[in-house]
C-alpha cells in the first residue's frame, strides 16, 4: 500500500474517532496550492481544522512531534484559504486539533496550536 492510501485509511480512522467524540466531519483532504488539511469538522461552535499523524511506533518520535512550526504555519495558511473559499466570517471561532495514532492507540490534542 502506498503512503497516500495508508494516510487515507488513518484519516478515516481518525474521522470515526472524532465522530465518537461528538465532532461532525465536514470535509476530508481540503487541498489548495498552499497545502492540505486532513479533516475539517465542527465541534460545538468551533470550526476545527484537524491534522492526522500516524506512526507505527515512537522510534522516530511521537506523531505530535511531526506537527512542527513549519507544518503549523502551512495549516494556518490553508485554513485561511478554506474560510475564504467557503465565504465564512473571519470571526468564526476556529481551532486546530491534532490526532496522533501510534500503532492502535489514538490520542487527540484539542487546540494544539
PDB file of N, CA and C in Angstrom:
ATOM      1  N   UNK A   1       0.841  -1.176   0.000  1.00  0.00           N
ATOM      2  CA  UNK A   1       0.000   0.000   0.000  1.00  0.00           C
ATOM      3  C   UNK A   1       0.894   1.249   0.000  1.00  0.00           C
ATOM      4  N   UNK A   2       0.573   2.242  -0.837  1.00  0.00           N
ATOM      5  CA  UNK A   2       1.404   3.442  -0.872  1.00  0.00           C
ATOM      6  C   UNK A   2       1.050   4.385   0.286  1.00  0.00           C
ATOM      7  N   UNK A   3       1.889   5.395   0.478  1.00  0.00           N
ATOM      8  CA  UNK A   3       1.721   6.308   1.614  1.00  0.00           C
ATOM      9  C   UNK A   3       0.379   7.034   1.582  1.00  0.00           C
ATOM     10  N   UNK A   4      -0.067   7.412   0.390  1.00  0.00           N
ATOM     11  CA  UNK A   4      -1.340   8.138   0.287  1.00  0.00           C
ATOM     12  C   UNK A   4      -2.501   7.257   0.757  1.00  0.00           C
ATOM     13  N   UNK A   5      -2.492   5.983   0.367  1.00  0.00           N
ATOM     14  CA  UNK A   5      -3.560   5.068   0.782  1.00  0.00           C
ATOM     15  C   UNK A   5      -3.494   4.799   2.278  1.00  0.00           C
ATOM     16  N   UNK A   6      -2.285   4.641   2.799  1.00  0.00           N
ATOM     17  CA  UNK A   6      -2.123   4.435   4.242  1.00  0.00           C
ATOM     18  C   UNK A   6      -2.641   5.661   4.991  1.00  0.00           C
ATOM     19  N   UNK A   7      -2.247   6.838   4.526  1.00  0.00           N
ATOM     20  CA  UNK A   7      -2.706   8.080   5.157  1.00  0.00           C
ATOM     21  C   UNK A   7      -4.215   8.205   5.126  1.00  0.00           C
ATOM     22  N   UNK A   8      -4.823   7.879   3.984  1.00  0.00           N
ATOM     23  CA  UNK A   8      -6.280   7.962   3.857  1.00  0.00           C
ATOM     24  C   UNK A   8      -6.964   7.005   4.832  1.00  0.00           C
ATOM     25  N   UNK A   9      -6.409   5.823   5.004  1.00  0.00           N
ATOM     26  CA  UNK A   9      -7.002   4.851   5.929  1.00  0.00           C
ATOM     27  C   UNK A   9      -6.958   5.380   7.365  1.00  0.00           C
ATOM     28  N   UNK A  10      -5.834   5.985   7.765  1.00  0.00           N
ATOM     29  CA  UNK A  10      -5.746   6.505   9.124  1.00  0.00           C
ATOM     30  C   UNK A  10      -6.564   7.777   9.296  1.00  0.00           C
ATOM     31  N   UNK A  11      -6.739   8.548   8.234  1.00  0.00           N
ATOM     32  CA  UNK A  11      -7.635   9.705   8.313  1.00  0.00           C
ATOM     33  C   UNK A  11      -9.070   9.246   8.528  1.00  0.00           C
ATOM     34  N   UNK A  12      -9.476   8.157   7.898  1.00  0.00           N
ATOM     35  CA  UNK A  12     -10.813   7.601   8.124  1.00  0.00           C
ATOM     36  C   UNK A  12     -10.953   7.110   9.565  1.00  0.00           C
ATOM     37  N   UNK A  13      -9.914   6.476  10.081  1.00  0.00           N
ATOM     38  CA  UNK A  13      -9.912   6.029  11.479  1.00  0.00           C
ATOM     39  C   UNK A  13     -10.063   7.228  12.413  1.00  0.00           C
ATOM     40  N   UNK A  14      -9.306   8.289  12.124  1.00  0.00           N
ATOM     41  CA  UNK A  14      -9.372   9.500  12.944  1.00  0.00           C
ATOM     42  C   UNK A  14     -10.759  10.139  12.856  1.00  0.00           C
ATOM     43  N   UNK A  15     -11.342  10.167  11.663  1.00  0.00           N
ATOM     44  CA  UNK A  15     -12.680  10.753  11.492  1.00  0.00           C
ATOM     45  C   UNK A  15     -13.706   9.989  12.326  1.00  0.00           C
ATOM     46  N   UNK A  16     -13.642   8.669  12.300  1.00  0.00           N
ATOM     47  CA  UNK A  16     -14.572   7.853  13.091  1.00  0.00           C
ATOM     48  C   UNK A  16     -14.374   8.124  14.588  1.00  0.00           C
ATOM     49  N   UNK A  17     -13.127   8.245  15.013  1.00  0.00           N
ATOM     50  CA  UNK A  17     -12.816   8.543  16.410  1.00  0.00           C
ATOM     51  C   UNK A  17     -13.408   9.901  16.803  1.00  0.00           C
ATOM     52  N   UNK A  18     -13.206  10.895  15.950  1.00  0.00           N
ATOM     53  CA  UNK A  18     -13.707  12.238  16.251  1.00  0.00           C
ATOM     54  C   UNK A  18     -15.237  12.260  16.298  1.00  0.00           C
ATOM     55  N   UNK A  19     -15.867  11.536  15.406  1.00  0.00           N
ATOM     56  CA  UNK A  19     -17.328  11.474  15.424  1.00  0.00           C
ATOM     57  C   UNK A  19     -17.824  10.890  16.744  1.00  0.00           C
ATOM     58  N   UNK A  20     -17.130   9.913  17.282  1.00  0.00           N
ATOM     59  CA  UNK A  20     -17.498   9.348  18.591  1.00  0.00           C
ATOM     60  C   UNK A  20     -17.307  10.368  19.708  1.00  0.00           C
ATOM     61  N   UNK A  21     -16.408  11.338  19.475  1.00  0.00           N
ATOM     62  CA  UNK A  21     -16.176  12.409  20.452  1.00  0.00           C
ATOM     63  C   UNK A  21     -17.176  13.553  20.289  1.00  0.00           C
ATOM     64  N   UNK A  22     -18.074  13.448  19.309  1.00  0.00           N
ATOM     65  CA  UNK A  22     -19.085  14.480  19.097  1.00  0.00           C
ATOM     66  C   UNK A  22     -18.810  15.444  17.963  1.00  0.00           C
ATOM     67  N   UNK A  23     -17.716  15.275  17.254  1.00  0.00           N
ATOM     68  CA  UNK A  23     -17.405  16.131  16.117  1.00  0.00           C
ATOM     69  C   UNK A  23     -18.310  15.738  14.942  1.00  0.00           C
ATOM     70  N   UNK A  24     -18.557  16.709  14.065  1.00  0.00           N
ATOM     71  CA  UNK A  24     -19.242  16.432  12.805  1.00  0.00           C
ATOM     72  C   UNK A  24     -18.248  16.731  11.685  1.00  0.00           C
ATOM     73  N   UNK A  25     -17.861  15.712  10.944  1.00  0.00           N
ATOM     74  CA  UNK A  25     -16.870  15.874   9.873  1.00  0.00           C
ATOM     75  C   UNK A  25     -17.536  16.567   8.692  1.00  0.00           C
ATOM     76  N   UNK A  26     -16.939  17.660   8.244  1.00  0.00           N
ATOM     77  CA  UNK A  26     -17.461  18.430   7.115  1.00  0.00           C
ATOM     78  C   UNK A  26     -16.751  18.103   5.811  1.00  0.00           C
ATOM     79  N   UNK A  27     -15.459  17.846   5.926  1.00  0.00           N
ATOM     80  CA  UNK A  27     -14.667  17.646   4.706  1.00  0.00           C
ATOM     81  C   UNK A  27     -13.380  16.902   5.035  1.00  0.00           C
ATOM     82  N   UNK A  28     -12.935  16.108   4.089  1.00  0.00           N
ATOM     83  CA  UNK A  28     -11.654  15.419   4.195  1.00  0.00           C
ATOM     84  C   UNK A  28     -10.735  15.915   3.093  1.00  0.00           C
ATOM     85  N   UNK A  29      -9.478  16.061   3.418  1.00  0.00           N
ATOM     86  CA  UNK A  29      -8.442  16.413   2.445  1.00  0.00           C
ATOM     87  C   UNK A  29      -8.752  17.669   1.648  1.00  0.00           C
ATOM     88  N   UNK A  30      -8.973  18.773   2.357  1.00  0.00           N
ATOM     89  CA  UNK A  30      -9.133  20.050   1.669  1.00  0.00           C
ATOM     90  C   UNK A  30      -7.767  20.465   1.152  1.00  0.00           C
ATOM     91  N   UNK A  31      -7.681  20.656  -0.165  1.00  0.00           N
ATOM     92  CA  UNK A  31      -6.407  20.998  -0.799  1.00  0.00           C
ATOM     93  C   UNK A  31      -6.502  22.334  -1.524  1.00  0.00           C
ATOM     94  N   UNK A  32      -5.383  23.038  -1.482  1.00  0.00           N
ATOM     95  CA  UNK A  32      -5.203  24.228  -2.310  1.00  0.00           C
ATOM     96  C   UNK A  32      -3.722  24.252  -2.684  1.00  0.00           C
ATOM     97  N   UNK A  33      -3.320  25.253  -3.406  1.00  0.00           N
ATOM     98  CA  UNK A  33      -1.929  25.300  -3.864  1.00  0.00           C
ATOM     99  C   UNK A  33      -0.932  25.436  -2.710  1.00  0.00           C
ATOM    100  N   UNK A  34      -1.412  25.861  -1.535  1.00  0.00           N
ATOM    101  CA  UNK A  34      -0.524  26.047  -0.383  1.00  0.00           C
ATOM    102  C   UNK A  34      -0.308  24.775   0.431  1.00  0.00           C
ATOM    103  N   UNK A  35      -1.226  23.822   0.290  1.00  0.00           N
ATOM    104  CA  UNK A  35      -1.096  22.599   1.080  1.00  0.00           C
ATOM    105  C   UNK A  35      -2.436  21.918   1.275  1.00  0.00           C
ATOM    106  N   UNK A  36      -2.530  21.162   2.361  1.00  0.00           N
ATOM    107  CA  UNK A  36      -3.708  20.342   2.606  1.00  0.00           C
ATOM    108  C   UNK A  36      -4.043  20.325   4.095  1.00  0.00           C
ATOM    109  N   UNK A  37      -5.335  20.227   4.378  1.00  0.00           N
ATOM    110  CA  UNK A  37      -5.809  19.976   5.736  1.00  0.00           C
ATOM    111  C   UNK A  37      -6.511  18.627   5.693  1.00  0.00           C
ATOM    112  N   UNK A  38      -6.136  17.746   6.627  1.00  0.00           N
ATOM    113  CA  UNK A  38      -6.653  16.376   6.595  1.00  0.00           C
ATOM    114  C   UNK A  38      -8.159  16.314   6.817  1.00  0.00           C
ATOM    115  N   UNK A  39      -8.643  16.966   7.865  1.00  0.00           N
ATOM    116  CA  UNK A  39     -10.075  16.939   8.178  1.00  0.00           C
ATOM    117  C   UNK A  39     -10.531  18.324   8.610  1.00  0.00           C
ATOM    118  N   UNK A  40     -11.743  18.671   8.210  1.00  0.00           N
ATOM    119  CA  UNK A  40     -12.391  19.883   8.696  1.00  0.00           C
ATOM    120  C   UNK A  40     -13.676  19.415   9.366  1.00  0.00           C
ATOM    121  N   UNK A  41     -13.903  19.900  10.587  1.00  0.00           N
ATOM    122  CA  UNK A  41     -15.040  19.404  11.364  1.00  0.00           C
ATOM    123  C   UNK A  41     -15.672  20.540  12.159  1.00  0.00           C
ATOM    124  N   UNK A  42     -16.843  20.256  12.694  1.00  0.00           N
ATOM    125  CA  UNK A  42     -17.492  21.153  13.648  1.00  0.00           C
ATOM    126  C   UNK A  42     -17.480  20.451  14.993  1.00  0.00           C
ATOM    127  N   UNK A  43     -17.135  21.191  16.024  1.00  0.00           N
ATOM    128  CA  UNK A  43     -17.202  20.710  17.393  1.00  0.00           C
ATOM    129  C   UNK A  43     -17.856  21.821  18.196  1.00  0.00           C
ATOM    130  N   UNK A  44     -19.158  21.656  18.408  1.00  0.00           N
ATOM    131  CA  UNK A  44     -19.904  22.734  19.045  1.00  0.00           C
ATOM    132  C   UNK A  44     -19.895  23.950  18.147  1.00  0.00           C
ATOM    133  N   UNK A  45     -19.506  25.089  18.688  1.00  0.00           N
ATOM    134  CA  UNK A  45     -19.476  26.323  17.904  1.00  0.00           C
ATOM    135  C   UNK A  45     -18.209  26.454  17.061  1.00  0.00           C
ATOM    136  N   UNK A  46     -17.238  25.593  17.282  1.00  0.00           N
ATOM    137  CA  UNK A  46     -15.936  25.712  16.626  1.00  0.00           C
ATOM    138  C   UNK A  46     -15.882  24.999  15.277  1.00  0.00           C
ATOM    139  N   UNK A  47     -15.251  25.673  14.330  1.00  0.00           N
ATOM    140  CA  UNK A  47     -14.810  25.028  13.100  1.00  0.00           C
ATOM    141  C   UNK A  47     -13.399  24.535  13.413  1.00  0.00           C
ATOM    142  N   UNK A  48     -13.172  23.247  13.232  1.00  0.00           N
ATOM    143  CA  UNK A  48     -11.913  22.648  13.658  1.00  0.00           C
ATOM    144  C   UNK A  48     -11.153  22.113  12.453  1.00  0.00           C
ATOM    145  N   UNK A  49      -9.907  22.529  12.338  1.00  0.00           N
ATOM    146  CA  UNK A  49      -9.006  22.027  11.316  1.00  0.00           C
ATOM    147  C   UNK A  49      -8.137  20.968  11.991  1.00  0.00           C
ATOM    148  N   UNK A  50      -8.183  19.756  11.459  1.00  0.00           N
ATOM    149  CA  UNK A  50      -7.551  18.619  12.129  1.00  0.00           C
ATOM    150  C   UNK A  50      -6.415  18.058  11.277  1.00  0.00           C
ATOM    151  N   UNK A  51      -5.261  17.951  11.897  1.00  0.00           N
ATOM    152  CA  UNK A  51      -4.117  17.275  11.288  1.00  0.00           C
ATOM    153  C   UNK A  51      -4.053  15.875  11.883  1.00  0.00           C
ATOM    154  N   UNK A  52      -3.884  14.870  11.025  1.00  0.00           N
ATOM    155  CA  UNK A  52      -3.803  13.479  11.462  1.00  0.00           C
ATOM    156  C   UNK A  52      -2.396  12.980  11.184  1.00  0.00           C
ATOM    157  N   UNK A  53      -1.752  12.429  12.215  1.00  0.00           N
ATOM    158  CA  UNK A  53      -0.406  11.883  12.056  1.00  0.00           C
ATOM    159  C   UNK A  53      -0.373  10.466  12.597  1.00  0.00           C
ATOM    160  N   UNK A  54       0.253   9.572  11.824  1.00  0.00           N
ATOM    161  CA  UNK A  54       0.373   8.169  12.198  1.00  0.00           C
ATOM    162  C   UNK A  54       1.851   7.789  12.310  1.00  0.00           C
ATOM    163  N   UNK A  55       2.146   6.995  13.303  1.00  0.00           N
ATOM    164  CA  UNK A  55       3.456   6.374  13.448  1.00  0.00           C
ATOM    165  C   UNK A  55       3.225   4.933  13.868  1.00  0.00           C
ATOM    166  N   UNK A  56       3.926   4.012  13.246  1.00  0.00           N
ATOM    167  CA  UNK A  56       3.806   2.599  13.625  1.00  0.00           C
ATOM    168  C   UNK A  56       4.279   2.408  15.064  1.00  0.00           C
ATOM    169  N   UNK A  57       5.329   3.159  15.439  1.00  0.00           N
ATOM    170  CA  UNK A  57       5.830   3.159  16.813  1.00  0.00           C
ATOM    171  C   UNK A  57       6.523   4.499  17.027  1.00  0.00           C
ATOM    172  N   UNK A  58       7.025   4.718  18.219  1.00  0.00           N
ATOM    173  CA  UNK A  58       7.613   6.021  18.520  1.00  0.00           C
ATOM    174  C   UNK A  58       9.133   6.056  18.365  1.00  0.00           C
ATOM    175  N   UNK A  59       9.694   5.097  17.636  1.00  0.00           N
ATOM    176  CA  UNK A  59      11.148   5.083  17.447  1.00  0.00           C
ATOM    177  C   UNK A  59      11.628   6.327  16.690  1.00  0.00           C
ATOM    178  N   UNK A  60      10.768   6.899  15.856  1.00  0.00           N
ATOM    179  CA  UNK A  60      11.112   8.119  15.114  1.00  0.00           C
ATOM    180  C   UNK A  60      10.445   9.352  15.733  1.00  0.00           C
ATOM    181  N   UNK A  61       9.971   9.220  16.974  1.00  0.00           N
ATOM    182  CA  UNK A  61       9.300  10.322  17.655  1.00  0.00           C
ATOM    183  C   UNK A  61       7.794  10.123  17.641  1.00  0.00           C
ATOM    184  N   UNK A  62       7.121  10.947  18.414  1.00  0.00           N
ATOM    185  CA  UNK A  62       5.666  10.838  18.504  1.00  0.00           C
ATOM    186  C   UNK A  62       5.022  11.432  17.263  1.00  0.00           C
ATOM    187  N   UNK A  63       3.789  11.054  16.977  1.00  0.00           N
ATOM    188  CA  UNK A  63       3.105  11.685  15.847  1.00  0.00           C
ATOM    189  C   UNK A  63       2.965  13.195  16.046  1.00  0.00           C
ATOM    190  N   UNK A  64       2.807  13.613  17.303  1.00  0.00           N
ATOM    191  CA  UNK A  64       2.615  15.038  17.576  1.00  0.00           C
ATOM    192  C   UNK A  64       3.866  15.856  17.278  1.00  0.00           C
ATOM    193  N   UNK A  65       5.041  15.248  17.455  1.00  0.00           N
ATOM    194  CA  UNK A  65       6.295  15.952  17.179  1.00  0.00           C
ATOM    195  C   UNK A  65       6.423  16.290  15.697  1.00  0.00           C
ATOM    196  N   UNK A  66       5.736  15.544  14.848  1.00  0.00           N
ATOM    197  CA  UNK A  66       5.803  15.787  13.405  1.00  0.00           C
ATOM    198  C   UNK A  66       5.033  17.043  12.992  1.00  0.00           C
ATOM    199  N   UNK A  67       4.202  17.563  13.873  1.00  0.00           N
ATOM    200  CA  UNK A  67       3.437  18.777  13.564  1.00  0.00           C
ATOM    201  C   UNK A  67       4.238  19.958  14.123  1.00  0.00           C
ATOM    202  N   UNK A  68       5.342  20.224  13.437  1.00  0.00           N
ATOM    203  CA  UNK A  68       6.274  21.262  13.870  1.00  0.00           C
ATOM    204  C   UNK A  68       5.792  22.651  13.436  1.00  0.00           C
ATOM    205  N   UNK A  69       6.584  23.645  13.733  1.00  0.00           N
ATOM    206  CA  UNK A  69       6.219  25.025  13.421  1.00  0.00           C
ATOM    207  C   UNK A  69       5.946  25.264  11.951  1.00  0.00           C
ATOM    208  N   UNK A  70       6.747  24.671  11.088  1.00  0.00           N
ATOM    209  CA  UNK A  70       6.543  24.840   9.643  1.00  0.00           C
ATOM    210  C   UNK A  70       5.212  24.227   9.216  1.00  0.00           C
ATOM    211  N   UNK A  71       4.904  23.028   9.713  1.00  0.00           N
ATOM    212  CA  UNK A  71       3.637  22.374   9.377  1.00  0.00           C
ATOM    213  C   UNK A  71       2.459  23.180   9.919  1.00  0.00           C
ATOM    214  N   UNK A  72       2.597  23.707  11.124  1.00  0.00           N
ATOM    215  CA  UNK A  72       1.535  24.521  11.712  1.00  0.00           C
ATOM    216  C   UNK A  72       1.268  25.773  10.875  1.00  0.00           C
ATOM    217  N   UNK A  73       2.325  26.413  10.409  1.00  0.00           N
ATOM    218  CA  UNK A  73       2.176  27.615   9.585  1.00  0.00           C
ATOM    219  C   UNK A  73       1.443  27.285   8.287  1.00  0.00           C
ATOM    220  N   UNK A  74       1.786  26.153   7.679  1.00  0.00           N
ATOM    221  CA  UNK A  74       1.111  25.736   6.449  1.00  0.00           C
ATOM    222  C   UNK A  74      -0.378  25.497   6.715  1.00  0.00           C
ATOM    223  N   UNK A  75      -0.680  24.794   7.787  1.00  0.00           N
ATOM    224  CA  UNK A  75      -2.079  24.502   8.110  1.00  0.00           C
ATOM    225  C   UNK A  75      -2.857  25.799   8.348  1.00  0.00           C
ATOM    226  N   UNK A  76      -2.257  26.753   9.028  1.00  0.00           N
ATOM    227  CA  UNK A  76      -2.922  28.052   9.261  1.00  0.00           C
ATOM    228  C   UNK A  76      -3.239  28.744   7.939  1.00  0.00           C
ATOM    229  N   UNK A  77      -2.272  28.747   7.019  1.00  0.00           N
ATOM    230  CA  UNK A  77      -2.496  29.413   5.729  1.00  0.00           C
ATOM    231  C   UNK A  77      -3.597  28.707   4.937  1.00  0.00           C
ATOM    232  N   UNK A  78      -3.578  27.384   4.940  1.00  0.00           N
ATOM    233  CA  UNK A  78      -4.613  26.628   4.215  1.00  0.00           C
ATOM    234  C   UNK A  78      -5.976  26.863   4.869  1.00  0.00           C
ATOM    235  N   UNK A  79      -6.011  26.980   6.186  1.00  0.00           N
ATOM    236  CA  UNK A  79      -7.268  27.262   6.888  1.00  0.00           C
ATOM    237  C   UNK A  79      -7.840  28.617   6.453  1.00  0.00           C
ATOM    238  N   UNK A  80      -6.986  29.612   6.263  1.00  0.00           N
ATOM    239  CA  UNK A  80      -7.449  30.916   5.782  1.00  0.00           C
ATOM    240  C   UNK A  80      -8.073  30.790   4.395  1.00  0.00           C
ATOM    241  N   UNK A  81      -7.447  29.992   3.534  1.00  0.00           N
ATOM    242  CA  UNK A  81      -7.994  29.762   2.195  1.00  0.00           C
ATOM    243  C   UNK A  81      -9.352  29.075   2.310  1.00  0.00           C
ATOM    244  N   UNK A  82      -9.464  28.091   3.206  1.00  0.00           N
ATOM    245  CA  UNK A  82     -10.733  27.383   3.405  1.00  0.00           C
ATOM    246  C   UNK A  82     -11.834  28.363   3.805  1.00  0.00           C
ATOM    247  N   UNK A  83     -11.541  29.237   4.755  1.00  0.00           N
ATOM    248  CA  UNK A  83     -12.534  30.215   5.206  1.00  0.00           C
ATOM    249  C   UNK A  83     -12.978  31.115   4.055  1.00  0.00           C
ATOM    250  N   UNK A  84     -12.025  31.573   3.262  1.00  0.00           N
ATOM    251  CA  UNK A  84     -12.359  32.443   2.128  1.00  0.00           C
ATOM    252  C   UNK A  84     -13.137  31.671   1.061  1.00  0.00           C
ATOM    253  N   UNK A  85     -12.701  30.455   0.749  1.00  0.00           N
ATOM    254  CA  UNK A  85     -13.345  29.659  -0.299  1.00  0.00           C
ATOM    255  C   UNK A  85     -14.790  29.313   0.047  1.00  0.00           C
ATOM    256  N   UNK A  86     -15.070  29.192   1.350  1.00  0.00           N
ATOM    257  CA  UNK A  86     -16.423  28.843   1.792  1.00  0.00           C
ATOM    258  C   UNK A  86     -17.211  30.066   2.281  1.00  0.00           C
ATOM    259  N   UNK A  87     -16.647  31.257   2.047  1.00  0.00           N
ATOM    260  CA  UNK A  87     -17.308  32.522   2.397  1.00  0.00           C
ATOM    261  C   UNK A  87     -17.749  32.542   3.859  1.00  0.00           C
ATOM    262  N   UNK A  88     -16.848  32.098   4.733  1.00  0.00           N
ATOM    263  CA  UNK A  88     -17.138  32.061   6.164  1.00  0.00           C
ATOM    264  C   UNK A  88     -16.617  33.329   6.823  1.00  0.00           C
ATOM    265  N   UNK A  89     -17.281  33.795   7.859  1.00  0.00           N
ATOM    266  CA  UNK A  89     -16.843  35.047   8.503  1.00  0.00           C
ATOM    267  C   UNK A  89     -15.477  34.897   9.176  1.00  0.00           C
ATOM    268  N   UNK A  90     -14.718  35.980   9.155  1.00  0.00           N
ATOM    269  CA  UNK A  90     -13.382  35.970   9.748  1.00  0.00           C
ATOM    270  C   UNK A  90     -13.415  35.760  11.255  1.00  0.00           C
ATOM    271  N   UNK A  91     -14.526  36.128  11.891  1.00  0.00           N
ATOM    272  CA  UNK A  91     -14.612  35.991  13.342  1.00  0.00           C
ATOM    273  C   UNK A  91     -15.233  34.656  13.783  1.00  0.00           C
ATOM    274  N   UNK A  92     -15.400  33.721  12.854  1.00  0.00           N
ATOM    275  CA  UNK A  92     -15.897  32.391  13.190  1.00  0.00           C
ATOM    276  C   UNK A  92     -14.910  31.729  14.147  1.00  0.00           C
ATOM    277  N   UNK A  93     -15.391  31.204  15.277  1.00  0.00           N
ATOM    278  CA  UNK A  93     -14.455  30.544  16.191  1.00  0.00           C
ATOM    279  C   UNK A  93     -13.842  29.295  15.544  1.00  0.00           C
ATOM    280  N   UNK A  94     -12.530  29.287  15.468  1.00  0.00           N
ATOM    281  CA  UNK A  94     -11.803  28.171  14.848  1.00  0.00           C
ATOM    282  C   UNK A  94     -10.736  27.684  15.811  1.00  0.00           C
ATOM    283  N   UNK A  95     -10.340  26.438  15.619  1.00  0.00           N
ATOM    284  CA  UNK A  95      -9.203  25.919  16.365  1.00  0.00           C
ATOM    285  C   UNK A  95      -8.521  24.834  15.540  1.00  0.00           C
ATOM    286  N   UNK A  96      -7.334  24.476  16.000  1.00  0.00           N
ATOM    287  CA  UNK A  96      -6.512  23.481  15.318  1.00  0.00           C
ATOM    288  C   UNK A  96      -6.272  22.317  16.273  1.00  0.00           C
ATOM    289  N   UNK A  97      -6.746  21.143  15.900  1.00  0.00           N
ATOM    290  CA  UNK A  97      -6.563  19.938  16.695  1.00  0.00           C
ATOM    291  C   UNK A  97      -5.630  18.987  15.959  1.00  0.00           C
ATOM    292  N   UNK A  98      -4.993  18.107  16.718  1.00  0.00           N
ATOM    293  CA  UNK A  98      -4.135  17.085  16.123  1.00  0.00           C
ATOM    294  C   UNK A  98      -4.543  15.731  16.679  1.00  0.00           C
ATOM    295  N   UNK A  99      -4.754  14.779  15.770  1.00  0.00           N
ATOM    296  CA  UNK A  99      -4.994  13.395  16.150  1.00  0.00           C
ATOM    297  C   UNK A  99      -3.709  12.630  15.870  1.00  0.00           C
ATOM    298  N   UNK A 100      -3.186  11.993  16.897  1.00  0.00           N
ATOM    299  CA  UNK A 100      -1.990  11.178  16.758  1.00  0.00           C
ATOM    300  C   UNK A 100      -2.356   9.713  16.908  1.00  0.00           C
ATOM    301  N   UNK A 101      -1.895   8.910  15.974  1.00  0.00           N
ATOM    302  CA  UNK A 101      -2.144   7.472  16.018  1.00  0.00           C
ATOM    303  C   UNK A 101      -0.789   6.775  16.060  1.00  0.00           C
ATOM    304  N   UNK A 102      -0.586   6.006  17.118  1.00  0.00           N
ATOM    305  CA  UNK A 102       0.634   5.219  17.265  1.00  0.00           C
ATOM    306  C   UNK A 102       0.211   3.770  17.414  1.00  0.00           C
ATOM    307  N   UNK A 103       0.551   2.957  16.418  1.00  0.00           N
ATOM    308  CA  UNK A 103       0.089   1.569  16.436  1.00  0.00           C
ATOM    309  C   UNK A 103      -1.427   1.560  16.399  1.00  0.00           C
ATOM    310  N   UNK A 104      -2.049   1.115  17.485  1.00  0.00           N
ATOM    311  CA  UNK A 104      -3.511   1.091  17.559  1.00  0.00           C
ATOM    312  C   UNK A 104      -4.053   2.122  18.548  1.00  0.00           C
ATOM    313  N   UNK A 105      -3.168   2.926  19.139  1.00  0.00           N
ATOM    314  CA  UNK A 105      -3.574   3.940  20.111  1.00  0.00           C
ATOM    315  C   UNK A 105      -3.884   5.258  19.405  1.00  0.00           C
ATOM    316  N   UNK A 106      -5.016   5.863  19.766  1.00  0.00           N
ATOM    317  CA  UNK A 106      -5.411   7.149  19.189  1.00  0.00           C
ATOM    318  C   UNK A 106      -5.458   8.179  20.309  1.00  0.00           C
ATOM    319  N   UNK A 107      -4.844   9.328  20.065  1.00  0.00           N
ATOM    320  CA  UNK A 107      -4.852  10.438  21.026  1.00  0.00           C
ATOM    321  C   UNK A 107      -5.260  11.707  20.306  1.00  0.00           C
ATOM    322  N   UNK A 108      -5.890  12.599  21.044  1.00  0.00           N
ATOM    323  CA  UNK A 108      -6.350  13.867  20.496  1.00  0.00           C
ATOM    324  C   UNK A 108      -5.813  15.000  21.344  1.00  0.00           C
ATOM    325  N   UNK A 109      -5.248  15.996  20.677  1.00  0.00           N
ATOM    326  CA  UNK A 109      -4.903  17.245  21.339  1.00  0.00           C
ATOM    327  C   UNK A 109      -5.818  18.316  20.758  1.00  0.00           C
ATOM    328  N   UNK A 110      -6.724  18.813  21.589  1.00  0.00           N
ATOM    329  CA  UNK A 110      -7.616  19.908  21.174  1.00  0.00           C
ATOM    330  C   UNK A 110      -6.849  21.221  21.319  1.00  0.00           C
ATOM    331  N   UNK A 111      -7.106  22.119  20.390  1.00  0.00           N
ATOM    332  CA  UNK A 111      -6.462  23.435  20.421  1.00  0.00           C
ATOM    333  C   UNK A 111      -4.943  23.266  20.548  1.00  0.00           C
ATOM    334  N   UNK A 112      -4.387  22.439  19.677  1.00  0.00           N
ATOM    335  CA  UNK A 112      -2.976  22.057  19.744  1.00  0.00           C
ATOM    336  C   UNK A 112      -2.027  23.213  19.452  1.00  0.00           C
ATOM    337  N   UNK A 113      -2.467  24.152  18.625  1.00  0.00           N
ATOM    338  CA  UNK A 113      -1.619  25.322  18.309  1.00  0.00           C
ATOM    339  C   UNK A 113      -2.484  26.459  17.844  1.00  0.00           C
TER     340      UNK A 113
END
